Amino acid sequence: MSKREFVHLHTHSEYSILDGASRLNDIVKKATEFEMPAAAITDHGVMYGNITFYSTAKAAGIKPILGCEVYVAPRTRHDRDSKLDRDQFHLVLLAKSEKGYKNLIKLVSIAYSEGFYFKPRVDKELLAQYSEDLIAMTACLGGELPAYIMREPSRVEQSLADYIDIFGKEDLYLELQDHGIPEQKPVNKTLIELARKNNLKLIATNDSHYTNKVDAEAHDV
């Protein structure tokens, strides 16, 4: 695969506070350098950089894909028990159209106004209400499906069924990543098996948090 055939669909910018180190201009510049036709921005829980990214990418001839890696409450967005609700699941959402973008804005806004508990959280009720024209990817090891594969295999089938009900098989992608983390290989194996069993699509992503390899130390700092 040449560089131009790969598009980054899981990208964190400087707006993923205390987590992303890539500046928007650098993301677009790198995509241009590698002759990539498009690039996405999927910051954690926020969409602060979307408008700037959109205009910067368009000016550079790069198709901007607007998204967000939302936090999904383990129960509902209204639950706030420190033992049960402090941790959240990750889910990557990409807008397919203006309608999808508006739905994404709605989700992120409600995540703050109704769901905030340590993080801005959505839940499956909200996802079902505002899923139109949104693509969902199952995210990193912090996603619900990967987490259940690792720790609670008995919940995997129901979790997958929930997301199929919400997004349909057309707009749900099981996300494969390989960053040298030992747990990723067995998780990927199970995701591939689930995709084949349920006639779902797979997508390979790089969970990008900085632009260049040399930026790793600065990102850690």
N, C-alpha and C. Protein backbone atom coordinates (compact mmCIF):
# COMPACT_ATOMS: atom_id res chain seq x y z
N MET A 1 0.85 -1.20 0.00
CA MET A 1 0.00 0.00 0.00
C MET A 1 0.88 1.25 0.00
N SER A 2 0.63 2.16 -0.92
CA SER A 2 1.37 3.41 -0.93
C SER A 2 0.78 4.37 0.09
N LYS A 3 1.52 5.40 0.40
CA LYS A 3 1.06 6.37 1.39
C LYS A 3 -0.26 7.00 0.97
N ARG A 4 -0.41 7.25 -0.32
CA ARG A 4 -1.60 7.96 -0.78
C ARG A 4 -2.86 7.10 -0.67
N GLU A 5 -2.70 5.77 -0.48
CA GLU A 5 -3.85 4.90 -0.37
C GLU A 5 -4.36 4.78 1.07
N PHE A 6 -3.63 5.34 2.01
CA PHE A 6 -4.04 5.28 3.42
C PHE A 6 -4.53 6.65 3.87
N VAL A 7 -5.66 6.65 4.56
CA VAL A 7 -6.22 7.89 5.10
C VAL A 7 -6.35 7.75 6.62
N HIS A 8 -5.85 8.72 7.34
CA HIS A 8 -5.95 8.69 8.80
C HIS A 8 -7.37 9.06 9.22
N LEU A 9 -8.05 8.12 9.89
CA LEU A 9 -9.43 8.33 10.32
C LEU A 9 -9.56 8.35 11.85
N HIS A 10 -8.43 8.27 12.55
CA HIS A 10 -8.46 8.30 14.01
C HIS A 10 -7.29 9.18 14.45
N THR A 11 -7.56 10.49 14.52
CA THR A 11 -6.48 11.47 14.71
C THR A 11 -6.82 12.44 15.83
N HIS A 12 -5.89 12.58 16.76
CA HIS A 12 -6.06 13.52 17.87
C HIS A 12 -5.14 14.72 17.67
N SER A 13 -5.72 15.89 17.79
CA SER A 13 -4.95 17.12 17.63
C SER A 13 -4.65 17.72 19.00
N GLU A 14 -4.12 18.92 18.98
CA GLU A 14 -3.82 19.65 20.22
C GLU A 14 -5.08 19.91 21.04
N TYR A 15 -6.26 19.73 20.43
CA TYR A 15 -7.51 19.97 21.14
C TYR A 15 -7.97 18.76 21.95
N SER A 16 -7.29 17.63 21.82
CA SER A 16 -7.48 16.53 22.77
C SER A 16 -6.60 16.86 23.98
N ILE A 17 -7.16 17.63 24.88
CA ILE A 17 -6.37 18.27 25.94
C ILE A 17 -5.61 17.23 26.77
N LEU A 18 -4.31 17.50 26.99
CA LEU A 18 -3.40 16.64 27.75
C LEU A 18 -3.23 15.26 27.12
N ASP A 19 -3.59 15.13 25.84
CA ASP A 19 -3.50 13.83 25.19
C ASP A 19 -2.98 13.92 23.76
N GLY A 20 -3.36 14.95 23.03
CA GLY A 20 -2.92 15.09 21.64
C GLY A 20 -1.88 16.19 21.52
N ALA A 21 -0.90 15.98 20.63
CA ALA A 21 0.16 16.97 20.46
C ALA A 21 0.27 17.48 19.02
N SER A 22 -0.59 17.00 18.14
CA SER A 22 -0.52 17.42 16.73
C SER A 22 -1.25 18.74 16.52
N ARG A 23 -0.56 19.70 15.93
CA ARG A 23 -1.23 20.95 15.56
C ARG A 23 -1.97 20.73 14.25
N LEU A 24 -3.08 21.41 14.09
CA LEU A 24 -3.93 21.20 12.91
C LEU A 24 -3.17 21.46 11.62
N ASN A 25 -2.37 22.52 11.60
CA ASN A 25 -1.58 22.83 10.39
C ASN A 25 -0.61 21.70 10.06
N ASP A 26 -0.05 21.08 11.10
CA ASP A 26 0.91 20.00 10.88
C ASP A 26 0.23 18.74 10.34
N ILE A 27 -0.99 18.48 10.81
CA ILE A 27 -1.74 17.33 10.31
C ILE A 27 -2.00 17.48 8.81
N VAL A 28 -2.46 18.66 8.42
CA VAL A 28 -2.76 18.92 7.01
C VAL A 28 -1.47 18.89 6.18
N LYS A 29 -0.41 19.48 6.72
CA LYS A 29 0.87 19.50 6.00
C LYS A 29 1.39 18.08 5.77
N LYS A 30 1.27 17.22 6.77
CA LYS A 30 1.75 15.84 6.65
C LYS A 30 0.88 15.06 5.65
N ALA A 31 -0.41 15.27 5.68
CA ALA A 31 -1.30 14.61 4.72
C ALA A 31 -0.96 15.03 3.29
N THR A 32 -0.65 16.30 3.12
CA THR A 32 -0.26 16.81 1.80
C THR A 32 1.07 16.20 1.35
N GLU A 33 2.02 16.14 2.27
CA GLU A 33 3.33 15.57 1.97
C GLU A 33 3.23 14.12 1.52
N PHE A 34 2.33 13.37 2.14
CA PHE A 34 2.15 11.95 1.80
C PHE A 34 1.14 11.73 0.69
N GLU A 35 0.66 12.83 0.10
CA GLU A 35 -0.30 12.78 -1.00
C GLU A 35 -1.57 12.02 -0.62
N MET A 36 -2.01 12.19 0.61
CA MET A 36 -3.25 11.57 1.05
C MET A 36 -4.42 12.42 0.58
N PRO A 37 -5.48 11.78 0.08
CA PRO A 37 -6.61 12.56 -0.44
C PRO A 37 -7.49 13.17 0.63
N ALA A 38 -7.40 12.63 1.85
CA ALA A 38 -8.29 13.08 2.92
C ALA A 38 -7.63 12.83 4.27
N ALA A 39 -8.22 13.41 5.30
CA ALA A 39 -7.77 13.18 6.68
C ALA A 39 -8.93 13.52 7.61
N ALA A 40 -8.97 12.82 8.73
CA ALA A 40 -10.03 13.07 9.71
C ALA A 40 -9.44 13.65 10.98
N ILE A 41 -10.29 14.31 11.74
CA ILE A 41 -9.93 14.77 13.07
C ILE A 41 -10.96 14.20 14.04
N THR A 42 -10.47 13.53 15.09
CA THR A 42 -11.37 12.84 16.04
C THR A 42 -10.89 13.09 17.46
N ASP A 43 -10.98 14.31 17.90
CA ASP A 43 -10.50 14.64 19.24
C ASP A 43 -11.39 14.04 20.32
N HIS A 44 -10.80 13.86 21.49
CA HIS A 44 -11.50 13.24 22.61
C HIS A 44 -12.59 14.15 23.17
N GLY A 45 -13.84 13.80 22.92
CA GLY A 45 -14.97 14.46 23.57
C GLY A 45 -15.29 15.86 23.13
N VAL A 46 -14.47 16.44 22.20
CA VAL A 46 -14.67 17.84 21.82
C VAL A 46 -14.56 18.00 20.30
N MET A 47 -15.03 19.15 19.83
CA MET A 47 -14.96 19.45 18.40
C MET A 47 -14.39 20.86 18.19
N TYR A 48 -13.59 21.32 19.13
CA TYR A 48 -13.08 22.69 19.07
C TYR A 48 -12.28 22.97 17.79
N GLY A 49 -11.59 21.98 17.28
CA GLY A 49 -10.72 22.22 16.14
C GLY A 49 -11.36 21.98 14.78
N ASN A 50 -12.60 21.57 14.75
CA ASN A 50 -13.21 21.13 13.50
C ASN A 50 -13.29 22.21 12.43
N ILE A 51 -13.70 23.40 12.79
CA ILE A 51 -13.88 24.46 11.78
C ILE A 51 -12.53 24.89 11.20
N THR A 52 -11.54 25.07 12.07
CA THR A 52 -10.20 25.43 11.60
C THR A 52 -9.61 24.33 10.74
N PHE A 53 -9.78 23.09 11.17
CA PHE A 53 -9.28 21.95 10.40
C PHE A 53 -9.96 21.90 9.03
N TYR A 54 -11.25 22.12 8.99
CA TYR A 54 -12.00 22.07 7.74
C TYR A 54 -11.46 23.09 6.73
N SER A 55 -11.32 24.33 7.17
CA SER A 55 -10.87 25.38 6.25
C SER A 55 -9.40 25.18 5.86
N THR A 56 -8.57 24.73 6.79
CA THR A 56 -7.15 24.51 6.49
C THR A 56 -6.98 23.36 5.50
N ALA A 57 -7.72 22.29 5.71
CA ALA A 57 -7.63 21.13 4.82
C ALA A 57 -8.15 21.47 3.42
N LYS A 58 -9.28 22.16 3.36
CA LYS A 58 -9.86 22.53 2.06
C LYS A 58 -8.88 23.39 1.27
N ALA A 59 -8.24 24.33 1.95
CA ALA A 59 -7.29 25.23 1.28
C ALA A 59 -6.09 24.46 0.73
N ALA A 60 -5.77 23.32 1.36
CA ALA A 60 -4.62 22.53 0.93
C ALA A 60 -5.02 21.44 -0.07
N GLY A 61 -6.29 21.36 -0.41
CA GLY A 61 -6.74 20.34 -1.34
C GLY A 61 -6.93 18.97 -0.71
N ILE A 62 -7.05 18.93 0.61
CA ILE A 62 -7.28 17.70 1.35
C ILE A 62 -8.75 17.64 1.77
N LYS A 63 -9.41 16.51 1.54
CA LYS A 63 -10.80 16.37 1.97
C LYS A 63 -10.85 16.25 3.49
N PRO A 64 -11.53 17.18 4.18
CA PRO A 64 -11.61 17.10 5.64
C PRO A 64 -12.76 16.19 6.07
N ILE A 65 -12.47 15.24 6.92
CA ILE A 65 -13.49 14.37 7.50
C ILE A 65 -13.62 14.76 8.96
N LEU A 66 -14.81 15.19 9.35
CA LEU A 66 -15.01 15.75 10.68
C LEU A 66 -15.60 14.69 11.60
N GLY A 67 -15.01 14.57 12.77
CA GLY A 67 -15.47 13.55 13.70
C GLY A 67 -15.15 13.88 15.13
N CYS A 68 -15.32 12.87 15.98
CA CYS A 68 -15.03 13.02 17.41
C CYS A 68 -14.94 11.63 18.01
N GLU A 69 -14.01 11.44 18.93
CA GLU A 69 -13.98 10.21 19.71
C GLU A 69 -14.73 10.48 21.00
N VAL A 70 -15.98 10.06 21.03
CA VAL A 70 -16.83 10.37 22.17
C VAL A 70 -16.61 9.37 23.30
N TYR A 71 -17.02 9.79 24.50
CA TYR A 71 -16.99 8.91 25.65
C TYR A 71 -18.40 8.37 25.87
N VAL A 72 -18.53 7.05 25.95
CA VAL A 72 -19.84 6.41 26.15
C VAL A 72 -19.95 5.94 27.59
N ALA A 73 -20.98 6.39 28.27
CA ALA A 73 -21.19 6.00 29.67
C ALA A 73 -21.43 4.49 29.76
N PRO A 74 -20.87 3.83 30.77
CA PRO A 74 -21.07 2.39 30.90
C PRO A 74 -22.52 2.01 31.21
N ARG A 75 -23.26 2.95 31.79
CA ARG A 75 -24.70 2.72 32.02
C ARG A 75 -25.46 3.80 31.25
N THR A 76 -25.90 4.84 31.90
CA THR A 76 -26.53 5.96 31.19
C THR A 76 -25.78 7.24 31.52
N ARG A 77 -26.02 8.27 30.74
CA ARG A 77 -25.34 9.56 30.94
C ARG A 77 -25.76 10.22 32.24
N HIS A 78 -26.82 9.75 32.85
CA HIS A 78 -27.33 10.36 34.09
C HIS A 78 -26.76 9.69 35.34
N ASP A 79 -26.14 8.52 35.19
CA ASP A 79 -25.62 7.79 36.34
C ASP A 79 -24.27 8.35 36.77
N ARG A 80 -24.10 8.50 38.08
CA ARG A 80 -22.87 9.11 38.59
C ARG A 80 -22.42 8.42 39.88
N ASP A 81 -22.18 7.15 39.79
CA ASP A 81 -21.64 6.38 40.90
C ASP A 81 -20.14 6.24 40.68
N SER A 82 -19.34 6.65 41.65
CA SER A 82 -17.88 6.68 41.45
C SER A 82 -17.30 5.29 41.19
N LYS A 83 -17.94 4.25 41.67
CA LYS A 83 -17.44 2.90 41.45
C LYS A 83 -17.87 2.33 40.11
N LEU A 84 -19.02 2.75 39.61
CA LEU A 84 -19.58 2.15 38.40
C LEU A 84 -19.47 3.03 37.17
N ASP A 85 -19.35 4.34 37.36
CA ASP A 85 -19.49 5.25 36.22
C ASP A 85 -18.29 6.14 35.95
N ARG A 86 -17.24 5.95 36.72
CA ARG A 86 -16.07 6.83 36.53
C ARG A 86 -15.37 6.55 35.19
N ASP A 87 -15.27 5.29 34.79
CA ASP A 87 -14.63 4.94 33.52
C ASP A 87 -15.65 4.96 32.38
N GLN A 88 -15.16 5.34 31.19
CA GLN A 88 -16.05 5.41 30.04
C GLN A 88 -15.44 4.60 28.90
N PHE A 89 -16.29 4.27 27.93
CA PHE A 89 -15.83 3.60 26.72
C PHE A 89 -15.61 4.62 25.61
N HIS A 90 -14.64 4.36 24.75
CA HIS A 90 -14.38 5.23 23.60
C HIS A 90 -15.16 4.74 22.39
N LEU A 91 -15.59 5.69 21.56
CA LEU A 91 -16.27 5.37 20.30
C LEU A 91 -15.97 6.49 19.31
N VAL A 92 -15.46 6.12 18.14
CA VAL A 92 -15.13 7.12 17.12
C VAL A 92 -16.32 7.32 16.19
N LEU A 93 -16.70 8.58 16.02
CA LEU A 93 -17.81 8.93 15.14
C LEU A 93 -17.33 9.88 14.05
N LEU A 94 -17.72 9.60 12.81
CA LEU A 94 -17.37 10.44 11.67
C LEU A 94 -18.64 10.90 10.98
N ALA A 95 -18.68 12.17 10.60
CA ALA A 95 -19.86 12.71 9.92
C ALA A 95 -19.81 12.40 8.43
N LYS A 96 -20.91 11.85 7.91
CA LYS A 96 -21.02 11.53 6.49
C LYS A 96 -21.55 12.71 5.68
N SER A 97 -22.23 13.64 6.34
CA SER A 97 -22.91 14.73 5.65
C SER A 97 -23.12 15.89 6.62
N GLU A 98 -23.75 16.94 6.12
CA GLU A 98 -24.08 18.07 7.01
C GLU A 98 -25.03 17.61 8.12
N LYS A 99 -25.97 16.74 7.77
CA LYS A 99 -26.88 16.20 8.78
C LYS A 99 -26.11 15.44 9.85
N GLY A 100 -25.16 14.62 9.42
CA GLY A 100 -24.34 13.89 10.38
C GLY A 100 -23.52 14.82 11.25
N TYR A 101 -23.00 15.88 10.66
CA TYR A 101 -22.22 16.84 11.43
C TYR A 101 -23.08 17.51 12.50
N LYS A 102 -24.30 17.87 12.13
CA LYS A 102 -25.21 18.48 13.10
C LYS A 102 -25.56 17.50 14.22
N ASN A 103 -25.74 16.23 13.86
CA ASN A 103 -26.01 15.22 14.89
C ASN A 103 -24.81 15.05 15.82
N LEU A 104 -23.62 15.14 15.26
CA LEU A 104 -22.41 15.02 16.08
C LEU A 104 -22.30 16.21 17.04
N ILE A 105 -22.60 17.39 16.55
CA ILE A 105 -22.60 18.58 17.40
C ILE A 105 -23.59 18.40 18.56
N LYS A 106 -24.76 17.86 18.22
CA LYS A 106 -25.80 17.64 19.24
C LYS A 106 -25.31 16.66 20.30
N LEU A 107 -24.71 15.58 19.86
CA LEU A 107 -24.21 14.57 20.79
C LEU A 107 -23.16 15.15 21.73
N VAL A 108 -22.20 15.87 21.16
CA VAL A 108 -21.12 16.43 21.97
C VAL A 108 -21.65 17.49 22.94
N SER A 109 -22.61 18.27 22.49
CA SER A 109 -23.19 19.30 23.37
C SER A 109 -23.93 18.68 24.54
N ILE A 110 -24.75 17.66 24.26
CA ILE A 110 -25.50 17.00 25.34
C ILE A 110 -24.56 16.24 26.26
N ALA A 111 -23.47 15.73 25.70
CA ALA A 111 -22.48 15.04 26.54
C ALA A 111 -21.97 15.95 27.65
N TYR A 112 -21.85 17.24 27.36
CA TYR A 112 -21.42 18.20 28.37
C TYR A 112 -22.57 18.65 29.27
N SER A 113 -23.71 18.99 28.66
CA SER A 113 -24.80 19.59 29.42
C SER A 113 -25.55 18.58 30.29
N GLU A 114 -25.59 17.31 29.86
CA GLU A 114 -26.34 16.31 30.62
C GLU A 114 -25.46 15.16 31.14
N GLY A 115 -24.39 14.85 30.42
CA GLY A 115 -23.66 13.63 30.72
C GLY A 115 -22.35 13.80 31.42
N PHE A 116 -21.93 15.04 31.72
CA PHE A 116 -20.58 15.24 32.24
C PHE A 116 -20.41 14.62 33.62
N TYR A 117 -19.43 13.71 33.70
CA TYR A 117 -19.01 13.12 34.96
C TYR A 117 -17.59 12.63 34.75
N PHE A 118 -16.62 13.41 35.20
CA PHE A 118 -15.20 13.23 34.89
C PHE A 118 -14.91 13.54 33.42
N LYS A 119 -15.75 13.06 32.51
CA LYS A 119 -15.64 13.33 31.08
C LYS A 119 -17.02 13.66 30.53
N PRO A 120 -17.09 14.34 29.37
CA PRO A 120 -18.39 14.54 28.73
C PRO A 120 -18.87 13.23 28.11
N ARG A 121 -20.03 12.72 28.55
CA ARG A 121 -20.44 11.37 28.17
C ARG A 121 -21.77 11.36 27.41
N VAL A 122 -21.81 10.51 26.39
CA VAL A 122 -23.08 10.17 25.75
C VAL A 122 -23.47 8.78 26.26
N ASP A 123 -24.63 8.31 25.85
CA ASP A 123 -25.02 6.92 26.13
C ASP A 123 -25.71 6.36 24.90
N LYS A 124 -26.10 5.11 24.98
CA LYS A 124 -26.67 4.46 23.80
C LYS A 124 -28.03 5.03 23.41
N GLU A 125 -28.75 5.55 24.37
CA GLU A 125 -30.03 6.20 24.06
C GLU A 125 -29.78 7.42 23.16
N LEU A 126 -28.80 8.23 23.53
CA LEU A 126 -28.47 9.41 22.72
C LEU A 126 -27.91 9.01 21.36
N LEU A 127 -27.06 8.01 21.33
CA LEU A 127 -26.48 7.56 20.06
C LEU A 127 -27.58 7.10 19.11
N ALA A 128 -28.56 6.39 19.62
CA ALA A 128 -29.66 5.93 18.78
C ALA A 128 -30.48 7.10 18.26
N GLN A 129 -30.62 8.13 19.08
CA GLN A 129 -31.43 9.30 18.70
C GLN A 129 -30.75 10.14 17.62
N TYR A 130 -29.42 10.20 17.65
CA TYR A 130 -28.68 11.09 16.75
C TYR A 130 -27.67 10.33 15.87
N SER A 131 -28.01 9.13 15.47
CA SER A 131 -27.07 8.30 14.70
C SER A 131 -27.13 8.53 13.20
N GLU A 132 -28.13 9.25 12.72
CA GLU A 132 -28.30 9.40 11.27
C GLU A 132 -27.08 10.07 10.63
N ASP A 133 -26.60 9.46 9.55
CA ASP A 133 -25.46 9.97 8.78
C ASP A 133 -24.17 10.05 9.58
N LEU A 134 -24.04 9.17 10.56
CA LEU A 134 -22.79 9.05 11.30
C LEU A 134 -22.20 7.66 11.09
N ILE A 135 -20.90 7.60 10.89
CA ILE A 135 -20.17 6.35 10.83
C ILE A 135 -19.56 6.11 12.21
N ALA A 136 -19.67 4.89 12.71
CA ALA A 136 -19.10 4.55 14.02
C ALA A 136 -17.97 3.55 13.85
N MET A 137 -16.88 3.78 14.56
CA MET A 137 -15.75 2.85 14.60
C MET A 137 -15.52 2.46 16.06
N THR A 138 -15.18 1.21 16.28
CA THR A 138 -15.17 0.67 17.65
C THR A 138 -13.98 1.11 18.50
N ALA A 139 -13.10 1.92 17.95
CA ALA A 139 -12.05 2.60 18.71
C ALA A 139 -10.92 1.68 19.15
N CYS A 140 -10.14 2.19 20.09
CA CYS A 140 -8.92 1.53 20.58
C CYS A 140 -9.28 0.50 21.63
N LEU A 141 -8.30 0.09 22.43
CA LEU A 141 -8.56 -0.87 23.51
C LEU A 141 -9.50 -0.29 24.55
N GLY A 142 -9.70 1.04 24.52
CA GLY A 142 -10.63 1.68 25.44
C GLY A 142 -12.07 1.65 24.94
N GLY A 143 -12.30 1.10 23.76
CA GLY A 143 -13.66 0.98 23.25
C GLY A 143 -14.42 -0.12 23.97
N GLU A 144 -15.73 -0.07 23.89
CA GLU A 144 -16.55 -1.04 24.61
C GLU A 144 -16.30 -2.47 24.13
N LEU A 145 -16.31 -2.66 22.83
CA LEU A 145 -16.13 -4.01 22.29
C LEU A 145 -14.75 -4.58 22.65
N PRO A 146 -13.65 -3.84 22.38
CA PRO A 146 -12.34 -4.36 22.79
C PRO A 146 -12.23 -4.62 24.30
N ALA A 147 -12.82 -3.73 25.10
CA ALA A 147 -12.75 -3.90 26.55
C ALA A 147 -13.45 -5.18 26.99
N TYR A 148 -14.60 -5.45 26.41
CA TYR A 148 -15.32 -6.68 26.77
C TYR A 148 -14.59 -7.92 26.25
N ILE A 149 -13.98 -7.81 25.06
CA ILE A 149 -13.20 -8.94 24.54
C ILE A 149 -12.09 -9.30 25.52
N MET A 150 -11.45 -8.29 26.11
CA MET A 150 -10.34 -8.53 27.03
C MET A 150 -10.80 -8.99 28.41
N ARG A 151 -11.91 -8.40 28.91
CA ARG A 151 -12.24 -8.61 30.32
C ARG A 151 -13.56 -9.32 30.59
N GLU A 152 -14.54 -9.16 29.71
CA GLU A 152 -15.86 -9.77 29.92
C GLU A 152 -16.39 -10.34 28.62
N PRO A 153 -15.81 -11.44 28.14
CA PRO A 153 -16.21 -12.00 26.85
C PRO A 153 -17.70 -12.32 26.73
N SER A 154 -18.34 -12.61 27.85
CA SER A 154 -19.76 -12.96 27.81
C SER A 154 -20.63 -11.78 27.37
N ARG A 155 -20.10 -10.57 27.42
CA ARG A 155 -20.88 -9.38 27.06
C ARG A 155 -20.62 -8.90 25.63
N VAL A 156 -19.72 -9.56 24.94
CA VAL A 156 -19.32 -9.10 23.60
C VAL A 156 -20.48 -9.13 22.61
N GLU A 157 -21.18 -10.25 22.54
CA GLU A 157 -22.24 -10.41 21.55
C GLU A 157 -23.34 -9.37 21.73
N GLN A 158 -23.76 -9.13 22.97
CA GLN A 158 -24.81 -8.14 23.20
C GLN A 158 -24.33 -6.73 22.90
N SER A 159 -23.09 -6.45 23.26
CA SER A 159 -22.54 -5.13 22.96
C SER A 159 -22.53 -4.88 21.46
N LEU A 160 -22.06 -5.86 20.70
CA LEU A 160 -22.03 -5.71 19.24
C LEU A 160 -23.44 -5.56 18.69
N ALA A 161 -24.38 -6.33 19.20
CA ALA A 161 -25.78 -6.23 18.74
C ALA A 161 -26.34 -4.84 18.99
N ASP A 162 -25.98 -4.25 20.12
CA ASP A 162 -26.45 -2.89 20.44
C ASP A 162 -25.98 -1.89 19.37
N TYR A 163 -24.71 -1.97 19.02
CA TYR A 163 -24.17 -1.02 18.05
C TYR A 163 -24.68 -1.28 16.63
N ILE A 164 -24.95 -2.53 16.32
CA ILE A 164 -25.57 -2.83 15.02
C ILE A 164 -26.97 -2.23 14.97
N ASP A 165 -27.71 -2.35 16.06
CA ASP A 165 -29.06 -1.76 16.13
C ASP A 165 -29.01 -0.25 15.96
N ILE A 166 -28.00 0.38 16.55
CA ILE A 166 -27.92 1.84 16.51
C ILE A 166 -27.46 2.36 15.16
N PHE A 167 -26.41 1.79 14.60
CA PHE A 167 -25.79 2.34 13.39
C PHE A 167 -26.07 1.53 12.13
N GLY A 168 -26.55 0.31 12.30
CA GLY A 168 -26.74 -0.55 11.15
C GLY A 168 -25.41 -1.10 10.66
N LYS A 169 -25.44 -2.17 9.90
CA LYS A 169 -24.21 -2.78 9.42
C LYS A 169 -23.49 -1.91 8.40
N GLU A 170 -24.21 -1.03 7.76
CA GLU A 170 -23.61 -0.16 6.74
C GLU A 170 -22.64 0.84 7.35
N ASP A 171 -22.94 1.33 8.55
CA ASP A 171 -22.17 2.43 9.13
C ASP A 171 -21.41 2.05 10.39
N LEU A 172 -21.26 0.76 10.65
CA LEU A 172 -20.48 0.30 11.80
C LEU A 172 -19.24 -0.43 11.31
N TYR A 173 -18.08 0.00 11.78
CA TYR A 173 -16.81 -0.60 11.39
C TYR A 173 -16.09 -1.12 12.63
N LEU A 174 -15.60 -2.35 12.57
CA LEU A 174 -14.78 -2.89 13.65
C LEU A 174 -13.35 -2.46 13.39
N GLU A 175 -12.77 -1.79 14.36
CA GLU A 175 -11.51 -1.07 14.17
C GLU A 175 -10.31 -1.89 14.63
N LEU A 176 -9.36 -2.07 13.72
CA LEU A 176 -8.14 -2.82 14.01
C LEU A 176 -6.98 -1.86 14.19
N GLN A 177 -6.20 -2.07 15.25
CA GLN A 177 -5.01 -1.26 15.50
C GLN A 177 -3.86 -2.18 15.93
N ASP A 178 -2.64 -1.79 15.57
CA ASP A 178 -1.47 -2.54 16.01
C ASP A 178 -0.33 -1.57 16.30
N HIS A 179 -0.19 -1.23 17.57
CA HIS A 179 0.86 -0.31 18.00
C HIS A 179 1.90 -1.01 18.87
N GLY A 180 1.96 -2.32 18.73
CA GLY A 180 2.92 -3.07 19.53
C GLY A 180 2.44 -3.34 20.94
N ILE A 181 1.17 -3.07 21.22
CA ILE A 181 0.59 -3.35 22.54
C ILE A 181 0.14 -4.81 22.53
N PRO A 182 0.61 -5.63 23.47
CA PRO A 182 0.34 -7.07 23.42
C PRO A 182 -1.15 -7.42 23.30
N GLU A 183 -2.00 -6.68 23.98
CA GLU A 183 -3.43 -7.01 23.97
C GLU A 183 -4.09 -6.81 22.61
N GLN A 184 -3.47 -5.99 21.76
CA GLN A 184 -4.12 -5.68 20.49
C GLN A 184 -4.22 -6.88 19.56
N LYS A 185 -3.25 -7.76 19.56
CA LYS A 185 -3.27 -8.90 18.65
C LYS A 185 -4.45 -9.85 18.92
N PRO A 186 -4.65 -10.29 20.15
CA PRO A 186 -5.82 -11.15 20.40
C PRO A 186 -7.15 -10.42 20.20
N VAL A 187 -7.18 -9.14 20.53
CA VAL A 187 -8.40 -8.36 20.29
C VAL A 187 -8.69 -8.28 18.79
N ASN A 188 -7.66 -8.00 17.99
CA ASN A 188 -7.84 -7.94 16.54
C ASN A 188 -8.34 -9.27 15.99
N LYS A 189 -7.80 -10.36 16.49
CA LYS A 189 -8.21 -11.69 16.04
C LYS A 189 -9.71 -11.88 16.27
N THR A 190 -10.16 -11.52 17.45
CA THR A 190 -11.58 -11.68 17.78
C THR A 190 -12.45 -10.73 16.95
N LEU A 191 -11.98 -9.50 16.74
CA LEU A 191 -12.74 -8.55 15.92
C LEU A 191 -12.90 -9.07 14.49
N ILE A 192 -11.85 -9.65 13.94
CA ILE A 192 -11.93 -10.21 12.59
C ILE A 192 -12.94 -11.36 12.55
N GLU A 193 -12.93 -12.19 13.58
CA GLU A 193 -13.89 -13.29 13.65
C GLU A 193 -15.31 -12.76 13.75
N LEU A 194 -15.51 -11.72 14.55
CA LEU A 194 -16.85 -11.13 14.70
C LEU A 194 -17.32 -10.50 13.39
N ALA A 195 -16.41 -9.86 12.68
CA ALA A 195 -16.76 -9.24 11.41
C ALA A 195 -17.23 -10.29 10.41
N ARG A 196 -16.50 -11.39 10.33
CA ARG A 196 -16.88 -12.46 9.40
C ARG A 196 -18.20 -13.10 9.79
N LYS A 197 -18.39 -13.32 11.07
CA LYS A 197 -19.60 -13.97 11.56
C LYS A 197 -20.84 -13.11 11.34
N ASN A 198 -20.68 -11.79 11.48
CA ASN A 198 -21.83 -10.88 11.42
C ASN A 198 -21.90 -10.06 10.14
N ASN A 199 -21.04 -10.38 9.18
CA ASN A 199 -21.02 -9.66 7.91
C ASN A 199 -20.82 -8.16 8.11
N LEU A 200 -19.80 -7.84 8.90
CA LEU A 200 -19.47 -6.44 9.19
C LEU A 200 -18.15 -6.07 8.53
N LYS A 201 -17.92 -4.77 8.43
CA LYS A 201 -16.71 -4.27 7.78
C LYS A 201 -15.62 -3.98 8.81
N LEU A 202 -14.37 -4.21 8.38
CA LEU A 202 -13.20 -3.92 9.20
C LEU A 202 -12.52 -2.65 8.69
N ILE A 203 -11.84 -1.96 9.60
CA ILE A 203 -11.08 -0.78 9.19
C ILE A 203 -9.80 -0.73 10.02
N ALA A 204 -8.69 -0.46 9.36
CA ALA A 204 -7.40 -0.36 10.05
C ALA A 204 -7.07 1.11 10.29
N THR A 205 -6.75 1.44 11.53
CA THR A 205 -6.42 2.82 11.86
C THR A 205 -5.13 2.88 12.66
N ASN A 206 -4.57 4.07 12.68
CA ASN A 206 -3.44 4.37 13.56
C ASN A 206 -3.94 5.42 14.55
N ASP A 207 -3.91 5.09 15.83
CA ASP A 207 -4.42 6.00 16.86
C ASP A 207 -3.42 7.14 17.05
N SER A 208 -3.49 8.10 16.14
CA SER A 208 -2.48 9.15 16.05
C SER A 208 -2.67 10.22 17.11
N HIS A 209 -1.60 10.45 17.89
CA HIS A 209 -1.62 11.50 18.91
C HIS A 209 -0.53 12.54 18.71
N TYR A 210 0.38 12.29 17.78
CA TYR A 210 1.40 13.28 17.42
C TYR A 210 1.76 13.05 15.96
N THR A 211 2.40 14.05 15.34
CA THR A 211 2.53 14.06 13.88
C THR A 211 3.72 13.26 13.38
N ASN A 212 4.87 13.38 14.03
CA ASN A 212 6.09 12.73 13.57
C ASN A 212 6.64 11.82 14.67
N LYS A 213 7.38 10.80 14.27
CA LYS A 213 7.94 9.85 15.24
C LYS A 213 8.80 10.56 16.27
N VAL A 214 9.52 11.57 15.85
CA VAL A 214 10.41 12.30 16.76
C VAL A 214 9.64 13.09 17.82
N ASP A 215 8.32 13.23 17.63
CA ASP A 215 7.50 13.98 18.58
C ASP A 215 7.08 13.14 19.78
N ALA A 216 7.44 11.86 19.79
CA ALA A 216 6.95 10.95 20.84
C ALA A 216 7.33 11.43 22.24
N GLU A 217 8.58 11.82 22.43
CA GLU A 217 9.03 12.24 23.75
C GLU A 217 8.33 13.51 24.19
N ALA A 218 8.19 14.46 23.28
CA ALA A 218 7.50 15.71 23.60
C ALA A 218 6.06 15.43 23.97
N HIS A 219 5.43 14.48 23.26
CA HIS A 219 4.05 14.13 23.56
C HIS A 219 3.94 13.54 24.96
N ASP A 220 4.85 12.68 25.32
CA ASP A 220 4.82 12.09 26.66
C ASP A 220 4.98 13.15 27.74
N VAL A 221 5.85 14.11 27.49
CA VAL A 221 6.05 15.21 28.46
C VAL A 221 4.79 16.01 28.62
